Amino acid sequence: MSRTGGFLFYLGTVVMVVELIANIVSIVRLSSIHAVGMNWGSTIVVLFGSFYQGGTLMGIGKIIELLERKR
């Protein structure tokens, strides 16, 4: 079971990095296409939103590791 926790933790890290890179690329693409671009608030929400899913996976992985250690 601790292998599952470790896997979820590293998967969360990979998800964070991939989603952050994809969001940065999409923001750059949108700002180059539109003359007006995105406002700062939505840019920040999109960038920090990429940490949500990866952080959730990392948290679940750490919880599983701690529960396994208690046994």
Protein backbone atom coordinates (compact mmCIF):
# COMPACT_ATOMS: atom_id res chain seq x y z
CA MET A 1 0.00 0.00 0.00
CA SER A 2 2.90 2.40 0.61
CA ARG A 3 3.92 1.98 -3.02
CA THR A 4 0.51 3.35 -3.95
CA GLY A 5 1.06 6.41 -1.75
CA GLY A 6 4.48 7.06 -3.28
CA PHE A 7 3.10 6.60 -6.77
CA LEU A 8 0.28 9.08 -6.13
CA PHE A 9 2.74 11.60 -4.71
CA TYR A 10 5.02 11.46 -7.77
CA LEU A 11 2.03 11.39 -10.12
CA GLY A 12 0.77 14.57 -8.45
CA THR A 13 4.14 16.22 -9.08
CA VAL A 14 4.08 15.21 -12.74
CA VAL A 15 0.49 16.43 -13.12
CA MET A 16 1.44 19.79 -11.62
CA VAL A 17 4.40 20.31 -13.93
CA VAL A 18 2.62 19.20 -17.10
CA GLU A 19 -0.50 21.24 -16.37
CA LEU A 20 1.54 24.34 -15.46
CA ILE A 21 3.50 24.13 -18.72
CA ALA A 22 0.30 23.61 -20.73
CA ASN A 23 -1.37 26.59 -19.05
CA ILE A 24 1.62 28.85 -19.66
CA VAL A 25 1.66 27.84 -23.33
CA SER A 26 -2.06 28.51 -23.68
CA ILE A 27 -1.75 31.91 -21.97
CA VAL A 28 1.09 32.90 -24.29
CA ARG A 29 -0.88 31.70 -27.30
CA LEU A 30 -4.02 33.58 -26.23
CA SER A 31 -2.11 36.78 -25.55
CA SER A 32 -0.41 36.61 -28.95
CA ILE A 33 -3.68 35.98 -30.83
CA HIS A 34 -5.87 38.58 -29.14
CA ALA A 35 -4.84 42.21 -29.09
CA VAL A 36 -6.56 42.75 -25.73
CA GLY A 37 -5.37 39.56 -24.05
CA MET A 38 -6.49 38.14 -20.74
CA ASN A 39 -6.83 40.22 -17.60
CA TRP A 40 -4.42 39.59 -14.73
CA GLY A 41 -7.01 38.00 -12.47
CA SER A 42 -7.91 35.23 -14.88
CA THR A 43 -4.24 34.65 -15.70
CA ILE A 44 -3.42 34.13 -12.04
CA VAL A 45 -6.43 31.85 -11.54
CA VAL A 46 -5.41 29.71 -14.51
CA LEU A 47 -1.80 29.45 -13.33
CA PHE A 48 -2.57 28.59 -9.71
CA GLY A 49 -5.44 26.31 -10.73
CA SER A 50 -2.87 23.94 -12.18
CA PHE A 51 -1.63 23.18 -8.66
CA TYR A 52 -5.04 22.01 -7.48
CA GLN A 53 -5.25 18.56 -9.05
CA GLY A 54 -1.59 17.72 -8.51
CA GLY A 55 -1.76 18.89 -4.91
CA THR A 56 -4.82 16.74 -4.32
CA LEU A 57 -3.00 13.66 -5.60
CA MET A 58 0.05 14.49 -3.51
CA GLY A 59 -2.08 14.93 -0.39
CA ILE A 60 -3.90 11.65 -0.90
CA GLY A 61 -0.56 9.90 -1.44
CA LYS A 62 0.85 11.30 1.81
CA ILE A 63 -2.29 10.34 3.73
CA ILE A 64 -2.03 6.77 2.42
CA GLU A 65 1.65 6.65 3.43
CA LEU A 66 0.86 7.91 6.95
CA LEU A 67 -1.99 5.41 7.37
CA GLU A 68 0.30 2.61 6.27
CA ARG A 69 2.96 3.70 8.76
CA LYS A 70 0.46 3.56 11.63
CA ARG A 71 -0.26 -0.13 11.07
